[in-house]
Amino acid sequence: DSGGFQMVSLLKLATITEEGVKFLSPHDGSPMMLTPEHSIHL
């Protein structure tokens, strides 16, 4: 899967913009971004 579903279903602090899905790392709380490009490269 792309990872997008987990961004929304597991993470309370996820926001979606045209760039991608912004969320806070479950490890250290740092800001992270999942874009279409990053999802495919993963």
PDB file of all heavy atoms in Angstrom:
ATOM      1  N   ASP A   1       0.852  -1.176   0.000  1.00  0.00           N
ATOM      2  CA  ASP A   1       0.000   0.000   0.000  1.00  0.00           C
ATOM      3  C   ASP A   1       0.893   1.233   0.000  1.00  0.00           C
ATOM      4  O   ASP A   1       2.111   1.130   0.096  1.00  0.00           O
ATOM      5  CB  ASP A   1      -0.963  -0.018   1.177  1.00  0.00           C
ATOM      6  CG  ASP A   1      -0.267   0.038   2.523  1.00  0.00           C
ATOM      7  OD1 ASP A   1       0.970   0.211   2.560  1.00  0.00           O
ATOM      8  OD2 ASP A   1      -0.950  -0.082   3.550  1.00  0.00           O
ATOM      9  N   SER A   2       0.287   2.401  -0.097  1.00  0.00           N
ATOM     10  CA  SER A   2       1.087   3.618  -0.272  1.00  0.00           C
ATOM     11  C   SER A   2       1.570   4.226   1.031  1.00  0.00           C
ATOM     12  O   SER A   2       2.480   5.049   1.036  1.00  0.00           O
ATOM     13  CB  SER A   2       0.250   4.666  -1.009  1.00  0.00           C
ATOM     14  OG  SER A   2      -0.832   5.086  -0.186  1.00  0.00           O
ATOM     15  N   GLY A   3       0.939   3.843   2.147  1.00  0.00           N
ATOM     16  CA  GLY A   3       1.235   4.478   3.426  1.00  0.00           C
ATOM     17  C   GLY A   3       0.247   5.564   3.786  1.00  0.00           C
ATOM     18  O   GLY A   3       0.182   5.995   4.936  1.00  0.00           O
ATOM     19  N   GLY A   4      -0.538   6.022   2.830  1.00  0.00           N
ATOM     20  CA  GLY A   4      -1.454   7.127   3.082  1.00  0.00           C
ATOM     21  C   GLY A   4      -2.562   6.792   4.062  1.00  0.00           C
ATOM     22  O   GLY A   4      -2.945   7.625   4.887  1.00  0.00           O
ATOM     23  N   PHE A   5      -3.076   5.559   3.999  1.00  0.00           N
ATOM     24  CA  PHE A   5      -4.160   5.181   4.893  1.00  0.00           C
ATOM     25  C   PHE A   5      -3.713   5.251   6.347  1.00  0.00           C
ATOM     26  O   PHE A   5      -4.446   5.712   7.222  1.00  0.00           O
ATOM     27  CB  PHE A   5      -4.658   3.776   4.561  1.00  0.00           C
ATOM     28  CG  PHE A   5      -5.765   3.294   5.461  1.00  0.00           C
ATOM     29  CD1 PHE A   5      -7.054   3.772   5.287  1.00  0.00           C
ATOM     30  CD2 PHE A   5      -5.518   2.398   6.480  1.00  0.00           C
ATOM     31  CE1 PHE A   5      -8.084   3.343   6.124  1.00  0.00           C
ATOM     32  CE2 PHE A   5      -6.539   1.970   7.312  1.00  0.00           C
ATOM     33  CZ  PHE A   5      -7.822   2.444   7.136  1.00  0.00           C
ATOM     34  N   GLN A   6      -2.471   4.790   6.628  1.00  0.00           N
ATOM     35  CA  GLN A   6      -1.968   4.829   7.994  1.00  0.00           C
ATOM     36  C   GLN A   6      -1.783   6.261   8.484  1.00  0.00           C
ATOM     37  O   GLN A   6      -1.957   6.546   9.657  1.00  0.00           O
ATOM     38  CB  GLN A   6      -0.636   4.066   8.106  1.00  0.00           C
ATOM     39  CG  GLN A   6      -0.798   2.554   8.169  1.00  0.00           C
ATOM     40  CD  GLN A   6      -1.290   1.978   6.861  1.00  0.00           C
ATOM     41  OE1 GLN A   6      -0.971   2.482   5.786  1.00  0.00           O
ATOM     42  NE2 GLN A   6      -2.069   0.915   6.928  1.00  0.00           N
ATOM     43  N   MET A   7      -1.440   7.148   7.563  1.00  0.00           N
ATOM     44  CA  MET A   7      -1.297   8.545   7.956  1.00  0.00           C
ATOM     45  C   MET A   7      -2.594   9.062   8.580  1.00  0.00           C
ATOM     46  O   MET A   7      -2.589   9.807   9.551  1.00  0.00           O
ATOM     47  CB  MET A   7      -0.981   9.424   6.736  1.00  0.00           C
ATOM     48  CG  MET A   7       0.318   9.123   6.012  1.00  0.00           C
ATOM     49  SD  MET A   7       1.782   9.475   7.011  1.00  0.00           S
ATOM     50  CE  MET A   7       2.180   7.827   7.567  1.00  0.00           C
ATOM     51  N   VAL A   8      -3.701   8.661   7.989  1.00  0.00           N
ATOM     52  CA  VAL A   8      -4.995   9.174   8.425  1.00  0.00           C
ATOM     53  C   VAL A   8      -5.565   8.356   9.579  1.00  0.00           C
ATOM     54  O   VAL A   8      -6.122   8.897  10.533  1.00  0.00           O
ATOM     55  CB  VAL A   8      -5.988   9.195   7.240  1.00  0.00           C
ATOM     56  CG1 VAL A   8      -7.373   9.632   7.689  1.00  0.00           C
ATOM     57  CG2 VAL A   8      -5.467  10.136   6.158  1.00  0.00           C
ATOM     58  N   SER A   9      -5.418   7.017   9.512  1.00  0.00           N
ATOM     59  CA  SER A   9      -6.077   6.165  10.491  1.00  0.00           C
ATOM     60  C   SER A   9      -5.309   6.046  11.804  1.00  0.00           C
ATOM     61  O   SER A   9      -5.911   5.849  12.857  1.00  0.00           O
ATOM     62  CB  SER A   9      -6.287   4.759   9.908  1.00  0.00           C
ATOM     63  OG  SER A   9      -5.045   4.127   9.668  1.00  0.00           O
ATOM     64  N   LEU A  10      -3.983   6.163  11.761  1.00  0.00           N
ATOM     65  CA  LEU A  10      -3.182   5.938  12.959  1.00  0.00           C
ATOM     66  C   LEU A  10      -2.694   7.221  13.622  1.00  0.00           C
ATOM     67  O   LEU A  10      -2.388   7.227  14.808  1.00  0.00           O
ATOM     68  CB  LEU A  10      -1.959   5.063  12.623  1.00  0.00           C
ATOM     69  CG  LEU A  10      -2.249   3.666  12.070  1.00  0.00           C
ATOM     70  CD1 LEU A  10      -0.945   2.938  11.796  1.00  0.00           C
ATOM     71  CD2 LEU A  10      -3.102   2.863  13.034  1.00  0.00           C
ATOM     72  N   LEU A  11      -2.579   8.275  12.892  1.00  0.00           N
ATOM     73  CA  LEU A  11      -1.948   9.483  13.412  1.00  0.00           C
ATOM     74  C   LEU A  11      -2.969  10.603  13.581  1.00  0.00           C
ATOM     75  O   LEU A  11      -3.616  11.017  12.631  1.00  0.00           O
ATOM     76  CB  LEU A  11      -0.831   9.930  12.468  1.00  0.00           C
ATOM     77  CG  LEU A  11       0.248   8.863  12.218  1.00  0.00           C
ATOM     78  CD1 LEU A  11       1.205   9.333  11.142  1.00  0.00           C
ATOM     79  CD2 LEU A  11       0.997   8.549  13.493  1.00  0.00           C
ATOM     80  N   LYS A  12      -3.101  11.070  14.801  1.00  0.00           N
ATOM     81  CA  LYS A  12      -4.099  12.088  15.104  1.00  0.00           C
ATOM     82  C   LYS A  12      -3.727  13.452  14.517  1.00  0.00           C
ATOM     83  O   LYS A  12      -4.592  14.253  14.215  1.00  0.00           O
ATOM     84  CB  LYS A  12      -4.277  12.193  16.615  1.00  0.00           C
ATOM     85  CG  LYS A  12      -4.842  10.939  17.267  1.00  0.00           C
ATOM     86  CD  LYS A  12      -4.973  11.100  18.772  1.00  0.00           C
ATOM     87  CE  LYS A  12      -5.518   9.841  19.422  1.00  0.00           C
ATOM     88  NZ  LYS A  12      -5.609   9.965  20.896  1.00  0.00           N
ATOM     89  N   LEU A  13      -2.446  13.696  14.387  1.00  0.00           N
ATOM     90  CA  LEU A  13      -2.013  15.025  13.986  1.00  0.00           C
ATOM     91  C   LEU A  13      -1.538  15.047  12.538  1.00  0.00           C
ATOM     92  O   LEU A  13      -0.516  15.635  12.216  1.00  0.00           O
ATOM     93  CB  LEU A  13      -0.910  15.523  14.935  1.00  0.00           C
ATOM     94  CG  LEU A  13      -1.334  15.654  16.404  1.00  0.00           C
ATOM     95  CD1 LEU A  13      -0.160  16.090  17.268  1.00  0.00           C
ATOM     96  CD2 LEU A  13      -2.475  16.658  16.546  1.00  0.00           C
ATOM     97  N   ALA A  14      -2.262  14.390  11.643  1.00  0.00           N
ATOM     98  CA  ALA A  14      -1.922  14.397  10.223  1.00  0.00           C
ATOM     99  C   ALA A  14      -2.784  15.418   9.500  1.00  0.00           C
ATOM    100  O   ALA A  14      -3.986  15.517   9.736  1.00  0.00           O
ATOM    101  CB  ALA A  14      -2.139  13.012   9.620  1.00  0.00           C
ATOM    102  N   THR A  15      -2.170  16.182   8.629  1.00  0.00           N
ATOM    103  CA  THR A  15      -2.911  17.128   7.796  1.00  0.00           C
ATOM    104  C   THR A  15      -2.516  16.905   6.342  1.00  0.00           C
ATOM    105  O   THR A  15      -1.359  16.604   6.039  1.00  0.00           O
ATOM    106  CB  THR A  15      -2.609  18.588   8.188  1.00  0.00           C
ATOM    107  OG1 THR A  15      -1.200  18.818   8.094  1.00  0.00           O
ATOM    108  CG2 THR A  15      -3.076  18.869   9.601  1.00  0.00           C
ATOM    109  N   ILE A  16      -3.483  17.052   5.453  1.00  0.00           N
ATOM    110  CA  ILE A  16      -3.257  16.794   4.033  1.00  0.00           C
ATOM    111  C   ILE A  16      -3.254  18.115   3.281  1.00  0.00           C
ATOM    112  O   ILE A  16      -4.180  18.924   3.403  1.00  0.00           O
ATOM    113  CB  ILE A  16      -4.337  15.853   3.475  1.00  0.00           C
ATOM    114  CG1 ILE A  16      -4.276  14.499   4.193  1.00  0.00           C
ATOM    115  CG2 ILE A  16      -4.153  15.653   1.976  1.00  0.00           C
ATOM    116  CD1 ILE A  16      -5.372  13.540   3.787  1.00  0.00           C
ATOM    117  N   THR A  17      -2.201  18.328   2.524  1.00  0.00           N
ATOM    118  CA  THR A  17      -2.105  19.484   1.634  1.00  0.00           C
ATOM    119  C   THR A  17      -1.843  18.965   0.231  1.00  0.00           C
ATOM    120  O   THR A  17      -1.663  17.759   0.022  1.00  0.00           O
ATOM    121  CB  THR A  17      -0.963  20.412   2.069  1.00  0.00           C
ATOM    122  OG1 THR A  17       0.290  19.727   1.867  1.00  0.00           O
ATOM    123  CG2 THR A  17      -1.088  20.804   3.534  1.00  0.00           C
ATOM    124  N   GLU A  18      -1.790  19.882  -0.745  1.00  0.00           N
ATOM    125  CA  GLU A  18      -1.511  19.437  -2.110  1.00  0.00           C
ATOM    126  C   GLU A  18      -0.142  18.790  -2.214  1.00  0.00           C
ATOM    127  O   GLU A  18       0.078  17.896  -3.029  1.00  0.00           O
ATOM    128  CB  GLU A  18      -1.613  20.623  -3.069  1.00  0.00           C
ATOM    129  CG  GLU A  18      -1.594  20.226  -4.538  1.00  0.00           C
ATOM    130  CD  GLU A  18      -2.779  19.353  -4.935  1.00  0.00           C
ATOM    131  OE1 GLU A  18      -3.866  19.467  -4.325  1.00  0.00           O
ATOM    132  OE2 GLU A  18      -2.615  18.549  -5.870  1.00  0.00           O
ATOM    133  N   GLU A  19       0.787  19.204  -1.372  1.00  0.00           N
ATOM    134  CA  GLU A  19       2.131  18.632  -1.415  1.00  0.00           C
ATOM    135  C   GLU A  19       2.140  17.180  -0.967  1.00  0.00           C
ATOM    136  O   GLU A  19       2.838  16.340  -1.534  1.00  0.00           O
ATOM    137  CB  GLU A  19       3.072  19.462  -0.538  1.00  0.00           C
ATOM    138  CG  GLU A  19       4.531  18.985  -0.586  1.00  0.00           C
ATOM    139  CD  GLU A  19       5.435  19.788   0.333  1.00  0.00           C
ATOM    140  OE1 GLU A  19       4.935  20.687   1.025  1.00  0.00           O
ATOM    141  OE2 GLU A  19       6.654  19.499   0.354  1.00  0.00           O
ATOM    142  N   GLY A  20       1.375  16.852   0.071  1.00  0.00           N
ATOM    143  CA  GLY A  20       1.353  15.504   0.608  1.00  0.00           C
ATOM    144  C   GLY A  20       0.704  15.476   1.978  1.00  0.00           C
ATOM    145  O   GLY A  20      -0.109  16.339   2.315  1.00  0.00           O
ATOM    146  N   VAL A  21       1.067  14.482   2.774  1.00  0.00           N
ATOM    147  CA  VAL A  21       0.508  14.313   4.115  1.00  0.00           C
ATOM    148  C   VAL A  21       1.548  14.724   5.141  1.00  0.00           C
ATOM    149  O   VAL A  21       2.633  14.131   5.221  1.00  0.00           O
ATOM    150  CB  VAL A  21       0.075  12.851   4.354  1.00  0.00           C
ATOM    151  CG1 VAL A  21      -0.600  12.711   5.716  1.00  0.00           C
ATOM    152  CG2 VAL A  21      -0.850  12.371   3.251  1.00  0.00           C
ATOM    153  N   LYS A  22       1.224  15.735   5.930  1.00  0.00           N
ATOM    154  CA  LYS A  22       2.118  16.178   7.001  1.00  0.00           C
ATOM    155  C   LYS A  22       1.708  15.476   8.287  1.00  0.00           C
ATOM    156  O   LYS A  22       0.524  15.394   8.613  1.00  0.00           O
ATOM    157  CB  LYS A  22       2.019  17.693   7.200  1.00  0.00           C
ATOM    158  CG  LYS A  22       2.507  18.525   6.026  1.00  0.00           C
ATOM    159  CD  LYS A  22       2.353  20.008   6.329  1.00  0.00           C
ATOM    160  CE  LYS A  22       2.836  20.857   5.155  1.00  0.00           C
ATOM    161  NZ  LYS A  22       2.652  22.310   5.423  1.00  0.00           N
ATOM    162  N   PHE A  23       2.700  14.984   9.034  1.00  0.00           N
ATOM    163  CA  PHE A  23       2.390  14.317  10.293  1.00  0.00           C
ATOM    164  C   PHE A  23       3.584  14.439  11.223  1.00  0.00           C
ATOM    165  O   PHE A  23       4.665  14.879  10.824  1.00  0.00           O
ATOM    166  CB  PHE A  23       2.035  12.847  10.058  1.00  0.00           C
ATOM    167  CG  PHE A  23       3.140  12.019   9.462  1.00  0.00           C
ATOM    168  CD1 PHE A  23       3.926  11.197  10.247  1.00  0.00           C
ATOM    169  CD2 PHE A  23       3.396  12.046   8.086  1.00  0.00           C
ATOM    170  CE1 PHE A  23       4.947  10.424   9.686  1.00  0.00           C
ATOM    171  CE2 PHE A  23       4.399  11.289   7.524  1.00  0.00           C
ATOM    172  CZ  PHE A  23       5.184  10.473   8.335  1.00  0.00           C
ATOM    173  N   LEU A  24       3.373  14.056  12.476  1.00  0.00           N
ATOM    174  CA  LEU A  24       4.434  14.076  13.464  1.00  0.00           C
ATOM    175  C   LEU A  24       4.977  12.669  13.643  1.00  0.00           C
ATOM    176  O   LEU A  24       4.211  11.704  13.765  1.00  0.00           O
ATOM    177  CB  LEU A  24       3.918  14.616  14.804  1.00  0.00           C
ATOM    178  CG  LEU A  24       3.356  16.042  14.768  1.00  0.00           C
ATOM    179  CD1 LEU A  24       2.908  16.458  16.169  1.00  0.00           C
ATOM    180  CD2 LEU A  24       4.393  17.023  14.228  1.00  0.00           C
ATOM    181  N   SER A  25       6.278  12.545  13.678  1.00  0.00           N
ATOM    182  CA  SER A  25       6.912  11.242  13.831  1.00  0.00           C
ATOM    183  C   SER A  25       6.422  10.551  15.102  1.00  0.00           C
ATOM    184  O   SER A  25       6.400  11.167  16.174  1.00  0.00           O
ATOM    185  CB  SER A  25       8.430  11.396  13.900  1.00  0.00           C
ATOM    186  OG  SER A  25       9.029  10.183  14.331  1.00  0.00           O
ATOM    187  N   PRO A  26       6.014   9.275  14.997  1.00  0.00           N
ATOM    188  CA  PRO A  26       5.596   8.549  16.204  1.00  0.00           C
ATOM    189  C   PRO A  26       6.772   8.252  17.137  1.00  0.00           C
ATOM    190  O   PRO A  26       6.569   7.832  18.268  1.00  0.00           O
ATOM    191  CB  PRO A  26       4.989   7.257  15.641  1.00  0.00           C
ATOM    192  CG  PRO A  26       5.637   7.082  14.311  1.00  0.00           C
ATOM    193  CD  PRO A  26       5.886   8.453  13.777  1.00  0.00           C
ATOM    194  N   HIS A  27       8.003   8.477  16.647  1.00  0.00           N
ATOM    195  CA  HIS A  27       9.181   8.198  17.470  1.00  0.00           C
ATOM    196  C   HIS A  27       9.595   9.389  18.311  1.00  0.00           C
ATOM    197  O   HIS A  27       9.759   9.279  19.529  1.00  0.00           O
ATOM    198  CB  HIS A  27      10.358   7.757  16.579  1.00  0.00           C
ATOM    199  CG  HIS A  27      10.101   6.464  15.870  1.00  0.00           C
ATOM    200  ND1 HIS A  27       9.807   5.294  16.529  1.00  0.00           N
ATOM    201  CD2 HIS A  27      10.085   6.150  14.546  1.00  0.00           C
ATOM    202  CE1 HIS A  27       9.632   4.321  15.657  1.00  0.00           C
ATOM    203  NE2 HIS A  27       9.786   4.819  14.436  1.00  0.00           N
ATOM    204  N   ASP A  28       9.745  10.557  17.679  1.00  0.00           N
ATOM    205  CA  ASP A  28      10.253  11.706  18.427  1.00  0.00           C
ATOM    206  C   ASP A  28       9.406  12.960  18.271  1.00  0.00           C
ATOM    207  O   ASP A  28       9.777  14.023  18.782  1.00  0.00           O
ATOM    208  CB  ASP A  28      11.704  12.005  18.010  1.00  0.00           C
ATOM    209  CG  ASP A  28      11.823  12.305  16.515  1.00  0.00           C
ATOM    210  OD1 ASP A  28      10.788  12.504  15.850  1.00  0.00           O
ATOM    211  OD2 ASP A  28      12.963  12.336  16.010  1.00  0.00           O
ATOM    212  N   GLY A  29       8.273  12.849  17.571  1.00  0.00           N
ATOM    213  CA  GLY A  29       7.387  13.989  17.436  1.00  0.00           C
ATOM    214  C   GLY A  29       7.825  15.034  16.436  1.00  0.00           C
ATOM    215  O   GLY A  29       7.198  16.094  16.320  1.00  0.00           O
ATOM    216  N   SER A  30       8.881  14.753  15.680  1.00  0.00           N
ATOM    217  CA  SER A  30       9.363  15.732  14.708  1.00  0.00           C
ATOM    218  C   SER A  30       8.457  15.756  13.486  1.00  0.00           C
ATOM    219  O   SER A  30       7.851  14.745  13.125  1.00  0.00           O
ATOM    220  CB  SER A  30      10.796  15.386  14.280  1.00  0.00           C
ATOM    221  OG  SER A  30      10.832  14.107  13.672  1.00  0.00           O
ATOM    222  N   PRO A  31       8.324  16.930  12.823  1.00  0.00           N
ATOM    223  CA  PRO A  31       7.461  17.023  11.637  1.00  0.00           C
ATOM    224  C   PRO A  31       8.004  16.166  10.492  1.00  0.00           C
ATOM    225  O   PRO A  31       9.212  16.133  10.242  1.00  0.00           O
ATOM    226  CB  PRO A  31       7.507  18.514  11.283  1.00  0.00           C
ATOM    227  CG  PRO A  31       8.050  19.194  12.488  1.00  0.00           C
ATOM    228  CD  PRO A  31       8.930  18.216  13.180  1.00  0.00           C
ATOM    229  N   MET A  32       7.092  15.472   9.784  1.00  0.00           N
ATOM    230  CA  MET A  32       7.468  14.646   8.646  1.00  0.00           C
ATOM    231  C   MET A  32       6.449  14.866   7.526  1.00  0.00           C
ATOM    232  O   MET A  32       5.351  15.365   7.758  1.00  0.00           O
ATOM    233  CB  MET A  32       7.522  13.161   9.036  1.00  0.00           C
ATOM    234  CG  MET A  32       8.498  12.847  10.160  1.00  0.00           C
ATOM    235  SD  MET A  32       8.559  11.088  10.573  1.00  0.00           S
ATOM    236  CE  MET A  32       9.398  10.436   9.133  1.00  0.00           C
ATOM    237  N   MET A  33       6.829  14.474   6.321  1.00  0.00           N
ATOM    238  CA  MET A  33       5.956  14.656   5.157  1.00  0.00           C
ATOM    239  C   MET A  33       6.019  13.414   4.271  1.00  0.00           C
ATOM    240  O   MET A  33       7.098  12.926   3.957  1.00  0.00           O
ATOM    241  CB  MET A  33       6.400  15.882   4.356  1.00  0.00           C
ATOM    242  CG  MET A  33       5.740  16.053   3.007  1.00  0.00           C
ATOM    243  SD  MET A  33       4.003  16.521   3.071  1.00  0.00           S
ATOM    244  CE  MET A  33       4.167  18.282   3.403  1.00  0.00           C
ATOM    245  N   LEU A  34       4.863  12.897   3.925  1.00  0.00           N
ATOM    246  CA  LEU A  34       4.776  11.815   2.942  1.00  0.00           C
ATOM    247  C   LEU A  34       4.155  12.400   1.681  1.00  0.00           C
ATOM    248  O   LEU A  34       2.988  12.789   1.674  1.00  0.00           O
ATOM    249  CB  LEU A  34       3.927  10.652   3.457  1.00  0.00           C
ATOM    250  CG  LEU A  34       3.804   9.457   2.493  1.00  0.00           C
ATOM    251  CD1 LEU A  34       5.138   8.751   2.342  1.00  0.00           C
ATOM    252  CD2 LEU A  34       2.741   8.468   2.965  1.00  0.00           C
ATOM    253  N   THR A  35       4.951  12.472   0.627  1.00  0.00           N
ATOM    254  CA  THR A  35       4.476  12.973  -0.657  1.00  0.00           C
ATOM    255  C   THR A  35       4.255  11.794  -1.609  1.00  0.00           C
ATOM    256  O   THR A  35       4.738  10.684  -1.360  1.00  0.00           O
ATOM    257  CB  THR A  35       5.506  13.924  -1.281  1.00  0.00           C
ATOM    258  OG1 THR A  35       6.702  13.167  -1.580  1.00  0.00           O
ATOM    259  CG2 THR A  35       5.850  15.071  -0.331  1.00  0.00           C
ATOM    260  N   PRO A  36       3.548  11.995  -2.712  1.00  0.00           N
ATOM    261  CA  PRO A  36       3.426  10.927  -3.697  1.00  0.00           C
ATOM    262  C   PRO A  36       4.784  10.407  -4.153  1.00  0.00           C
ATOM    263  O   PRO A  36       4.977   9.190  -4.315  1.00  0.00           O
ATOM    264  CB  PRO A  36       2.657  11.591  -4.848  1.00  0.00           C
ATOM    265  CG  PRO A  36       1.846  12.654  -4.192  1.00  0.00           C
ATOM    266  CD  PRO A  36       2.709  13.171  -3.082  1.00  0.00           C
ATOM    267  N   GLU A  37       5.734  11.322  -4.326  1.00  0.00           N
ATOM    268  CA  GLU A  37       7.077  10.918  -4.784  1.00  0.00           C
ATOM    269  C   GLU A  37       7.781  10.062  -3.737  1.00  0.00           C
ATOM    270  O   GLU A  37       8.378   9.023  -4.062  1.00  0.00           O
ATOM    271  CB  GLU A  37       7.913  12.164  -5.096  1.00  0.00           C
ATOM    272  CG  GLU A  37       7.439  12.958  -6.313  1.00  0.00           C
ATOM    273  CD  GLU A  37       6.233  13.857  -6.034  1.00  0.00           C
ATOM    274  OE1 GLU A  37       5.857  14.010  -4.831  1.00  0.00           O
ATOM    275  OE2 GLU A  37       5.669  14.408  -6.995  1.00  0.00           O
ATOM    276  N   HIS A  38       7.687  10.474  -2.466  1.00  0.00           N
ATOM    277  CA  HIS A  38       8.368   9.718  -1.409  1.00  0.00           C
ATOM    278  C   HIS A  38       7.732   8.345  -1.230  1.00  0.00           C
ATOM    279  O   HIS A  38       8.428   7.340  -1.025  1.00  0.00           O
ATOM    280  CB  HIS A  38       8.333  10.503  -0.100  1.00  0.00           C
ATOM    281  CG  HIS A  38       9.095   9.854   1.011  1.00  0.00           C
ATOM    282  ND1 HIS A  38      10.352   9.299   0.841  1.00  0.00           N
ATOM    283  CD2 HIS A  38       8.791   9.658   2.330  1.00  0.00           C
ATOM    284  CE1 HIS A  38      10.783   8.800   1.987  1.00  0.00           C
ATOM    285  NE2 HIS A  38       9.853   9.002   2.904  1.00  0.00           N
ATOM    286  N   SER A  39       6.401   8.284  -1.317  1.00  0.00           N
ATOM    287  CA  SER A  39       5.715   7.000  -1.207  1.00  0.00           C
ATOM    288  C   SER A  39       6.205   6.029  -2.279  1.00  0.00           C
ATOM    289  O   SER A  39       6.492   4.857  -2.001  1.00  0.00           O
ATOM    290  CB  SER A  39       4.205   7.193  -1.336  1.00  0.00           C
ATOM    291  OG  SER A  39       3.533   5.948  -1.424  1.00  0.00           O
ATOM    292  N   ILE A  40       6.308   6.507  -3.518  1.00  0.00           N
ATOM    293  CA  ILE A  40       6.752   5.645  -4.615  1.00  0.00           C
ATOM    294  C   ILE A  40       8.217   5.260  -4.440  1.00  0.00           C
ATOM    295  O   ILE A  40       8.597   4.094  -4.673  1.00  0.00           O
ATOM    296  CB  ILE A  40       6.528   6.329  -5.968  1.00  0.00           C
ATOM    297  CG1 ILE A  40       5.029   6.488  -6.230  1.00  0.00           C
ATOM    298  CG2 ILE A  40       7.182   5.539  -7.108  1.00  0.00           C
ATOM    299  CD1 ILE A  40       4.238   5.194  -6.250  1.00  0.00           C
ATOM    300  N   HIS A  41       9.055   6.193  -4.015  1.00  0.00           N
ATOM    301  CA  HIS A  41      10.468   5.860  -3.825  1.00  0.00           C
ATOM    302  C   HIS A  41      10.649   4.834  -2.706  1.00  0.00           C
ATOM    303  O   HIS A  41      11.516   3.949  -2.805  1.00  0.00           O
ATOM    304  CB  HIS A  41      11.274   7.127  -3.545  1.00  0.00           C
ATOM    305  CG  HIS A  41      11.325   8.058  -4.718  1.00  0.00           C
ATOM    306  ND1 HIS A  41      11.634   9.396  -4.608  1.00  0.00           N
ATOM    307  CD2 HIS A  41      11.084   7.846  -6.052  1.00  0.00           C
ATOM    308  CE1 HIS A  41      11.597   9.968  -5.802  1.00  0.00           C
ATOM    309  NE2 HIS A  41      11.259   9.042  -6.695  1.00  0.00           N
ATOM    310  N   LEU A  42       9.828   4.921  -1.648  1.00  0.00           N
ATOM    311  CA  LEU A  42       9.860   3.888  -0.612  1.00  0.00           C
ATOM    312  C   LEU A  42       9.450   2.540  -1.192  1.00  0.00           C
ATOM    313  O   LEU A  42      10.085   1.506  -0.913  1.00  0.00           O
ATOM    314  CB  LEU A  42       8.915   4.258   0.534  1.00  0.00           C
ATOM    315  CG  LEU A  42       9.414   5.253   1.573  1.00  0.00           C
ATOM    316  CD1 LEU A  42       8.274   5.646   2.518  1.00  0.00           C
ATOM    317  CD2 LEU A  42      10.578   4.664   2.369  1.00  0.00           C
TER     318      LEU A  42
END
